[in-house]
């Protein structure tokens, strides 16, 4: 089996799961059911609380990043309450 092909497929799958920037994260959260009038500032708030799986690329000054899979799982856990 060609391991380079398998690794490349895994890299592509992970790249498709990654959201970069507050706007991308916000749009995905709205897709998951967050109210459409939610503001980008709310994404930064969710990051600051530490309760949502949202990271940062470079400390306090980088772009926000998140995994679609982890966000969906977290939202589902909240909804199940």
PDB file of N, CA and C in Angstrom:
ATOM      1  N   UNK A   1       0.848  -1.182   0.000  1.00  0.00           N
ATOM      2  CA  UNK A   1       0.000   0.000   0.000  1.00  0.00           C
ATOM      3  C   UNK A   1       0.889   1.238   0.000  1.00  0.00           C
ATOM      4  N   UNK A   2       0.505   2.200  -0.778  1.00  0.00           N
ATOM      5  CA  UNK A   2       1.285   3.439  -0.894  1.00  0.00           C
ATOM      6  C   UNK A   2       0.952   4.356   0.276  1.00  0.00           C
ATOM      7  N   UNK A   3       1.879   4.492   1.218  1.00  0.00           N
ATOM      8  CA  UNK A   3       1.610   5.305   2.409  1.00  0.00           C
ATOM      9  C   UNK A   3       1.538   6.785   2.096  1.00  0.00           C
ATOM     10  N   UNK A   4       2.216   7.248   1.045  1.00  0.00           N
ATOM     11  CA  UNK A   4       2.160   8.672   0.710  1.00  0.00           C
ATOM     12  C   UNK A   4       0.758   9.065   0.248  1.00  0.00           C
ATOM     13  N   UNK A   5       0.069   8.170  -0.461  1.00  0.00           N
ATOM     14  CA  UNK A   5      -1.304   8.450  -0.889  1.00  0.00           C
ATOM     15  C   UNK A   5      -2.230   8.496   0.312  1.00  0.00           C
ATOM     16  N   UNK A   6      -2.061   7.559   1.231  1.00  0.00           N
ATOM     17  CA  UNK A   6      -2.886   7.523   2.435  1.00  0.00           C
ATOM     18  C   UNK A   6      -2.662   8.782   3.271  1.00  0.00           C
ATOM     19  N   UNK A   7      -1.429   9.196   3.434  1.00  0.00           N
ATOM     20  CA  UNK A   7      -1.122  10.408   4.195  1.00  0.00           C
ATOM     21  C   UNK A   7      -1.699  11.639   3.509  1.00  0.00           C
ATOM     22  N   UNK A   8      -1.627  11.679   2.192  1.00  0.00           N
ATOM     23  CA  UNK A   8      -2.162  12.819   1.452  1.00  0.00           C
ATOM     24  C   UNK A   8      -3.682  12.889   1.616  1.00  0.00           C
ATOM     25  N   UNK A   9      -4.364  11.759   1.571  1.00  0.00           N
ATOM     26  CA  UNK A   9      -5.811  11.738   1.764  1.00  0.00           C
ATOM     27  C   UNK A   9      -6.171  12.210   3.166  1.00  0.00           C
ATOM     28  N   UNK A  10      -5.408  11.791   4.146  1.00  0.00           N
ATOM     29  CA  UNK A  10      -5.653  12.221   5.520  1.00  0.00           C
ATOM     30  C   UNK A  10      -5.421  13.725   5.670  1.00  0.00           C
ATOM     31  N   UNK A  11      -4.365  14.241   5.052  1.00  0.00           N
ATOM     32  CA  UNK A  11      -4.089  15.678   5.081  1.00  0.00           C
ATOM     33  C   UNK A  11      -5.225  16.468   4.449  1.00  0.00           C
ATOM     34  N   UNK A  12      -5.750  15.995   3.331  1.00  0.00           N
ATOM     35  CA  UNK A  12      -6.856  16.680   2.654  1.00  0.00           C
ATOM     36  C   UNK A  12      -8.116  16.654   3.507  1.00  0.00           C
ATOM     37  N   UNK A  13      -8.375  15.525   4.169  1.00  0.00           N
ATOM     38  CA  UNK A  13      -9.548  15.419   5.037  1.00  0.00           C
ATOM     39  C   UNK A  13      -9.443  16.403   6.199  1.00  0.00           C
ATOM     40  N   UNK A  14      -8.258  16.473   6.803  1.00  0.00           N
ATOM     41  CA  UNK A  14      -8.062  17.395   7.915  1.00  0.00           C
ATOM     42  C   UNK A  14      -8.144  18.847   7.459  1.00  0.00           C
ATOM     43  N   UNK A  15      -7.615  19.156   6.292  1.00  0.00           N
ATOM     44  CA  UNK A  15      -7.671  20.522   5.771  1.00  0.00           C
ATOM     45  C   UNK A  15      -9.115  20.935   5.533  1.00  0.00           C
ATOM     46  N   UNK A  16      -9.958  20.021   5.097  1.00  0.00           N
ATOM     47  CA  UNK A  16     -11.367  20.320   4.884  1.00  0.00           C
ATOM     48  C   UNK A  16     -12.120  20.528   6.183  1.00  0.00           C
ATOM     49  N   UNK A  17     -11.566  20.061   7.281  1.00  0.00           N
ATOM     50  CA  UNK A  17     -12.194  20.187   8.588  1.00  0.00           C
ATOM     51  C   UNK A  17     -11.826  21.494   9.286  1.00  0.00           C
ATOM     52  N   UNK A  18     -10.777  22.161   8.834  1.00  0.00           N
ATOM     53  CA  UNK A  18     -10.250  23.330   9.525  1.00  0.00           C
ATOM     54  C   UNK A  18     -10.943  24.622   9.081  1.00  0.00           C
ATOM     55  N   UNK A  19     -11.378  25.401  10.043  1.00  0.00           N
ATOM     56  CA  UNK A  19     -11.937  26.734   9.795  1.00  0.00           C
ATOM     57  C   UNK A  19     -10.916  27.757  10.273  1.00  0.00           C
ATOM     58  N   UNK A  20     -10.603  28.730   9.431  1.00  0.00           N
ATOM     59  CA  UNK A  20      -9.622  29.755   9.775  1.00  0.00           C
ATOM     60  C   UNK A  20     -10.294  31.114   9.701  1.00  0.00           C
ATOM     61  N   UNK A  21     -10.262  31.848  10.806  1.00  0.00           N
ATOM     62  CA  UNK A  21     -10.834  33.190  10.864  1.00  0.00           C
ATOM     63  C   UNK A  21     -12.199  33.197  11.537  1.00  0.00           C
ATOM     64  N   UNK A  22     -12.488  34.301  12.200  1.00  0.00           N
ATOM     65  CA  UNK A  22     -13.741  34.437  12.938  1.00  0.00           C
ATOM     66  C   UNK A  22     -14.958  34.360  12.023  1.00  0.00           C
ATOM     67  N   UNK A  23     -14.855  34.930  10.816  1.00  0.00           N
ATOM     68  CA  UNK A  23     -15.991  34.885   9.886  1.00  0.00           C
ATOM     69  C   UNK A  23     -16.333  33.462   9.486  1.00  0.00           C
ATOM     70  N   UNK A  24     -15.318  32.650   9.182  1.00  0.00           N
ATOM     71  CA  UNK A  24     -15.555  31.260   8.791  1.00  0.00           C
ATOM     72  C   UNK A  24     -16.174  30.478   9.946  1.00  0.00           C
ATOM     73  N   UNK A  25     -15.681  30.711  11.152  1.00  0.00           N
ATOM     74  CA  UNK A  25     -16.218  30.021  12.326  1.00  0.00           C
ATOM     75  C   UNK A  25     -17.654  30.457  12.569  1.00  0.00           C
ATOM     76  N   UNK A  26     -17.920  31.743  12.474  1.00  0.00           N
ATOM     77  CA  UNK A  26     -19.273  32.251  12.663  1.00  0.00           C
ATOM     78  C   UNK A  26     -20.239  31.638  11.655  1.00  0.00           C
ATOM     79  N   UNK A  27     -19.850  31.607  10.391  1.00  0.00           N
ATOM     80  CA  UNK A  27     -20.728  31.040   9.360  1.00  0.00           C
ATOM     81  C   UNK A  27     -21.027  29.569   9.652  1.00  0.00           C
ATOM     82  N   UNK A  28     -20.046  28.830  10.135  1.00  0.00           N
ATOM     83  CA  UNK A  28     -20.277  27.428  10.455  1.00  0.00           C
ATOM     84  C   UNK A  28     -21.177  27.291  11.682  1.00  0.00           C
ATOM     85  N   UNK A  29     -20.998  28.141  12.681  1.00  0.00           N
ATOM     86  CA  UNK A  29     -21.868  28.093  13.856  1.00  0.00           C
ATOM     87  C   UNK A  29     -23.313  28.418  13.484  1.00  0.00           C
ATOM     88  N   UNK A  30     -23.507  29.356  12.572  1.00  0.00           N
ATOM     89  CA  UNK A  30     -24.857  29.667  12.089  1.00  0.00           C
ATOM     90  C   UNK A  30     -25.425  28.460  11.347  1.00  0.00           C
ATOM     91  N   UNK A  31     -24.595  27.799  10.546  1.00  0.00           N
ATOM     92  CA  UNK A  31     -25.003  26.575   9.856  1.00  0.00           C
ATOM     93  C   UNK A  31     -25.450  25.509  10.855  1.00  0.00           C
ATOM     94  N   UNK A  32     -24.782  25.448  12.005  1.00  0.00           N
ATOM     95  CA  UNK A  32     -25.122  24.471  13.036  1.00  0.00           C
ATOM     96  C   UNK A  32     -26.375  24.844  13.818  1.00  0.00           C
ATOM     97  N   UNK A  33     -26.874  26.069  13.654  1.00  0.00           N
ATOM     98  CA  UNK A  33     -28.104  26.447  14.340  1.00  0.00           C
ATOM     99  C   UNK A  33     -28.023  27.655  15.244  1.00  0.00           C
ATOM    100  N   UNK A  34     -26.869  28.290  15.334  1.00  0.00           N
ATOM    101  CA  UNK A  34     -26.751  29.510  16.117  1.00  0.00           C
ATOM    102  C   UNK A  34     -27.597  30.593  15.431  1.00  0.00           C
ATOM    103  N   UNK A  35     -28.216  31.497  16.171  1.00  0.00           N
ATOM    104  CA  UNK A  35     -29.049  32.529  15.543  1.00  0.00           C
ATOM    105  C   UNK A  35     -28.298  33.315  14.466  1.00  0.00           C
ATOM    106  N   UNK A  36     -28.992  33.606  13.373  1.00  0.00           N
ATOM    107  CA  UNK A  36     -28.375  34.280  12.221  1.00  0.00           C
ATOM    108  C   UNK A  36     -27.928  35.696  12.540  1.00  0.00           C
ATOM    109  N   UNK A  37     -28.463  36.299  13.587  1.00  0.00           N
ATOM    110  CA  UNK A  37     -28.058  37.665  13.932  1.00  0.00           C
ATOM    111  C   UNK A  37     -26.838  37.698  14.849  1.00  0.00           C
ATOM    112  N   UNK A  38     -26.186  36.555  15.037  1.00  0.00           N
ATOM    113  CA  UNK A  38     -24.972  36.480  15.841  1.00  0.00           C
ATOM    114  C   UNK A  38     -23.875  37.312  15.189  1.00  0.00           C
ATOM    115  N   UNK A  39     -23.082  37.987  15.987  1.00  0.00           N
ATOM    116  CA  UNK A  39     -22.035  38.890  15.509  1.00  0.00           C
ATOM    117  C   UNK A  39     -20.663  38.215  15.595  1.00  0.00           C
ATOM    118  N   UNK A  40     -19.728  38.670  14.785  1.00  0.00           N
ATOM    119  CA  UNK A  40     -18.360  38.142  14.816  1.00  0.00           C
ATOM    120  C   UNK A  40     -17.753  38.316  16.200  1.00  0.00           C
ATOM    121  N   UNK A  41     -18.076  39.393  16.888  1.00  0.00           N
ATOM    122  CA  UNK A  41     -17.553  39.611  18.236  1.00  0.00           C
ATOM    123  C   UNK A  41     -17.942  38.477  19.179  1.00  0.00           C
ATOM    124  N   UNK A  42     -19.091  37.835  18.909  1.00  0.00           N
ATOM    125  CA  UNK A  42     -19.519  36.716  19.745  1.00  0.00           C
ATOM    126  C   UNK A  42     -18.569  35.530  19.621  1.00  0.00           C
ATOM    127  N   UNK A  43     -17.979  35.341  18.445  1.00  0.00           N
ATOM    128  CA  UNK A  43     -17.009  34.256  18.256  1.00  0.00           C
ATOM    129  C   UNK A  43     -15.781  34.509  19.127  1.00  0.00           C
ATOM    130  N   UNK A  44     -15.330  35.750  19.180  1.00  0.00           N
ATOM    131  CA  UNK A  44     -14.193  36.093  20.048  1.00  0.00           C
ATOM    132  C   UNK A  44     -14.562  35.883  21.513  1.00  0.00           C
ATOM    133  N   UNK A  45     -15.799  36.193  21.866  1.00  0.00           N
ATOM    134  CA  UNK A  45     -16.257  35.963  23.230  1.00  0.00           C
ATOM    135  C   UNK A  45     -16.240  34.463  23.553  1.00  0.00           C
ATOM    136  N   UNK A  46     -16.748  33.637  22.616  1.00  0.00           N
ATOM    137  CA  UNK A  46     -16.744  32.193  22.830  1.00  0.00           C
ATOM    138  C   UNK A  46     -15.321  31.677  23.027  1.00  0.00           C
ATOM    139  N   UNK A  47     -14.389  32.223  22.294  1.00  0.00           N
ATOM    140  CA  UNK A  47     -12.974  31.846  22.440  1.00  0.00           C
ATOM    141  C   UNK A  47     -12.458  32.243  23.819  1.00  0.00           C
ATOM    142  N   UNK A  48     -12.761  33.475  24.230  1.00  0.00           N
ATOM    143  CA  UNK A  48     -12.264  33.968  25.520  1.00  0.00           C
ATOM    144  C   UNK A  48     -12.795  33.157  26.700  1.00  0.00           C
ATOM    145  N   UNK A  49     -14.039  32.678  26.607  1.00  0.00           N
ATOM    146  CA  UNK A  49     -14.602  31.917  27.726  1.00  0.00           C
ATOM    147  C   UNK A  49     -13.904  30.587  27.922  1.00  0.00           C
ATOM    148  N   UNK A  50     -13.293  30.062  26.855  1.00  0.00           N
ATOM    149  CA  UNK A  50     -12.600  28.794  26.939  1.00  0.00           C
ATOM    150  C   UNK A  50     -13.513  27.587  26.940  1.00  0.00           C
ATOM    151  N   UNK A  51     -14.810  27.792  26.763  1.00  0.00           N
ATOM    152  CA  UNK A  51     -15.764  26.682  26.786  1.00  0.00           C
ATOM    153  C   UNK A  51     -15.964  26.050  25.418  1.00  0.00           C
ATOM    154  N   UNK A  52     -15.615  26.767  24.364  1.00  0.00           N
ATOM    155  CA  UNK A  52     -15.784  26.264  23.003  1.00  0.00           C
ATOM    156  C   UNK A  52     -14.424  25.853  22.451  1.00  0.00           C
ATOM    157  N   UNK A  53     -14.395  24.844  21.587  1.00  0.00           N
ATOM    158  CA  UNK A  53     -13.125  24.380  21.012  1.00  0.00           C
ATOM    159  C   UNK A  53     -12.639  25.294  19.881  1.00  0.00           C
ATOM    160  N   UNK A  54     -12.274  26.510  20.263  1.00  0.00           N
ATOM    161  CA  UNK A  54     -11.775  27.501  19.311  1.00  0.00           C
ATOM    162  C   UNK A  54     -10.378  27.878  19.760  1.00  0.00           C
ATOM    163  N   UNK A  55      -9.431  27.802  18.840  1.00  0.00           N
ATOM    164  CA  UNK A  55      -8.046  28.111  19.162  1.00  0.00           C
ATOM    165  C   UNK A  55      -7.588  29.369  18.461  1.00  0.00           C
ATOM    166  N   UNK A  56      -6.293  29.604  18.547  1.00  0.00           N
ATOM    167  CA  UNK A  56      -5.697  30.782  17.947  1.00  0.00           C
ATOM    168  C   UNK A  56      -4.376  30.365  17.316  1.00  0.00           C
ATOM    169  N   UNK A  57      -4.069  30.886  16.145  1.00  0.00           N
ATOM    170  CA  UNK A  57      -2.859  30.458  15.438  1.00  0.00           C
ATOM    171  C   UNK A  57      -1.579  30.979  16.064  1.00  0.00           C
ATOM    172  N   UNK A  58      -1.624  32.102  16.774  1.00  0.00           N
ATOM    173  CA  UNK A  58      -0.393  32.681  17.322  1.00  0.00           C
ATOM    174  C   UNK A  58      -0.680  33.511  18.564  1.00  0.00           C
ATOM    175  N   UNK A  59      -0.980  32.859  19.636  1.00  0.00           N
ATOM    176  CA  UNK A  59      -1.224  33.592  20.870  1.00  0.00           C
ATOM    177  C   UNK A  59      -2.412  34.521  20.762  1.00  0.00           C
ATOM    178  N   UNK A  60      -2.271  35.735  21.267  1.00  0.00           N
ATOM    179  CA  UNK A  60      -3.374  36.686  21.273  1.00  0.00           C
ATOM    180  C   UNK A  60      -3.545  37.433  19.961  1.00  0.00           C
ATOM    181  N   UNK A  61      -2.589  37.328  19.048  1.00  0.00           N
ATOM    182  CA  UNK A  61      -2.636  38.169  17.854  1.00  0.00           C
ATOM    183  C   UNK A  61      -2.851  37.397  16.556  1.00  0.00           C
ATOM    184  N   UNK A  62      -3.022  36.090  16.628  1.00  0.00           N
ATOM    185  CA  UNK A  62      -3.211  35.289  15.428  1.00  0.00           C
ATOM    186  C   UNK A  62      -4.671  35.217  15.021  1.00  0.00           C
ATOM    187  N   UNK A  63      -4.930  34.428  14.016  1.00  0.00           N
ATOM    188  CA  UNK A  63      -6.297  34.203  13.560  1.00  0.00           C
ATOM    189  C   UNK A  63      -6.925  33.090  14.391  1.00  0.00           C
ATOM    190  N   UNK A  64      -8.245  33.178  14.552  1.00  0.00           N
ATOM    191  CA  UNK A  64      -8.952  32.114  15.234  1.00  0.00           C
ATOM    192  C   UNK A  64      -9.016  30.895  14.324  1.00  0.00           C
ATOM    193  N   UNK A  65      -8.935  29.710  14.915  1.00  0.00           N
ATOM    194  CA  UNK A  65      -9.053  28.465  14.168  1.00  0.00           C
ATOM    195  C   UNK A  65      -9.958  27.510  14.941  1.00  0.00           C
ATOM    196  N   UNK A  66     -10.626  26.638  14.200  1.00  0.00           N
ATOM    197  CA  UNK A  66     -11.487  25.647  14.841  1.00  0.00           C
ATOM    198  C   UNK A  66     -11.692  24.475  13.892  1.00  0.00           C
ATOM    199  N   UNK A  67     -12.007  23.344  14.461  1.00  0.00           N
ATOM    200  CA  UNK A  67     -12.326  22.139  13.705  1.00  0.00           C
ATOM    201  C   UNK A  67     -13.842  22.043  13.576  1.00  0.00           C
ATOM    202  N   UNK A  68     -14.321  21.824  12.354  1.00  0.00           N
ATOM    203  CA  UNK A  68     -15.765  21.661  12.146  1.00  0.00           C
ATOM    204  C   UNK A  68     -16.295  20.506  12.993  1.00  0.00           C
ATOM    205  N   UNK A  69     -15.568  19.410  13.000  1.00  0.00           N
ATOM    206  CA  UNK A  69     -15.989  18.221  13.722  1.00  0.00           C
ATOM    207  C   UNK A  69     -16.115  18.495  15.221  1.00  0.00           C
ATOM    208  N   UNK A  70     -15.134  19.185  15.778  1.00  0.00           N
ATOM    209  CA  UNK A  70     -15.171  19.473  17.217  1.00  0.00           C
ATOM    210  C   UNK A  70     -16.257  20.492  17.560  1.00  0.00           C
ATOM    211  N   UNK A  71     -16.462  21.497  16.698  1.00  0.00           N
ATOM    212  CA  UNK A  71     -17.535  22.464  16.935  1.00  0.00           C
ATOM    213  C   UNK A  71     -18.897  21.781  16.891  1.00  0.00           C
ATOM    214  N   UNK A  72     -19.095  20.914  15.896  1.00  0.00           N
ATOM    215  CA  UNK A  72     -20.374  20.208  15.770  1.00  0.00           C
ATOM    216  C   UNK A  72     -20.627  19.317  16.983  1.00  0.00           C
ATOM    217  N   UNK A  73     -19.588  18.625  17.427  1.00  0.00           N
ATOM    218  CA  UNK A  73     -19.717  17.756  18.601  1.00  0.00           C
ATOM    219  C   UNK A  73     -20.051  18.577  19.839  1.00  0.00           C
ATOM    220  N   UNK A  74     -19.404  19.722  20.005  1.00  0.00           N
ATOM    221  CA  UNK A  74     -19.655  20.575  21.170  1.00  0.00           C
ATOM    222  C   UNK A  74     -21.087  21.133  21.138  1.00  0.00           C
ATOM    223  N   UNK A  75     -21.521  21.598  19.970  1.00  0.00           N
ATOM    224  CA  UNK A  75     -22.893  22.129  19.845  1.00  0.00           C
ATOM    225  C   UNK A  75     -23.921  21.042  20.128  1.00  0.00           C
ATOM    226  N   UNK A  76     -23.655  19.828  19.663  1.00  0.00           N
ATOM    227  CA  UNK A  76     -24.557  18.710  19.899  1.00  0.00           C
ATOM    228  C   UNK A  76     -24.636  18.385  21.390  1.00  0.00           C
ATOM    229  N   UNK A  77     -23.506  18.444  22.072  1.00  0.00           N
ATOM    230  CA  UNK A  77     -23.457  18.177  23.510  1.00  0.00           C
ATOM    231  C   UNK A  77     -24.269  19.236  24.272  1.00  0.00           C
ATOM    232  N   UNK A  78     -24.155  20.497  23.851  1.00  0.00           N
ATOM    233  CA  UNK A  78     -24.909  21.573  24.495  1.00  0.00           C
ATOM    234  C   UNK A  78     -26.406  21.378  24.269  1.00  0.00           C
ATOM    235  N   UNK A  79     -26.788  21.033  23.033  1.00  0.00           N
ATOM    236  CA  UNK A  79     -28.202  20.848  22.705  1.00  0.00           C
ATOM    237  C   UNK A  79     -28.815  19.678  23.485  1.00  0.00           C
ATOM    238  N   UNK A  80     -28.016  18.657  23.734  1.00  0.00           N
ATOM    239  CA  UNK A  80     -28.520  17.483  24.470  1.00  0.00           C
ATOM    240  C   UNK A  80     -28.684  17.799  25.954  1.00  0.00           C
ATOM    241  N   UNK A  81     -27.962  18.832  26.388  1.00  0.00           N
ATOM    242  CA  UNK A  81     -28.008  19.405  27.678  1.00  0.00           C
ATOM    243  C   UNK A  81     -28.062  18.641  28.878  1.00  0.00           C
TER     244      UNK A  81
END
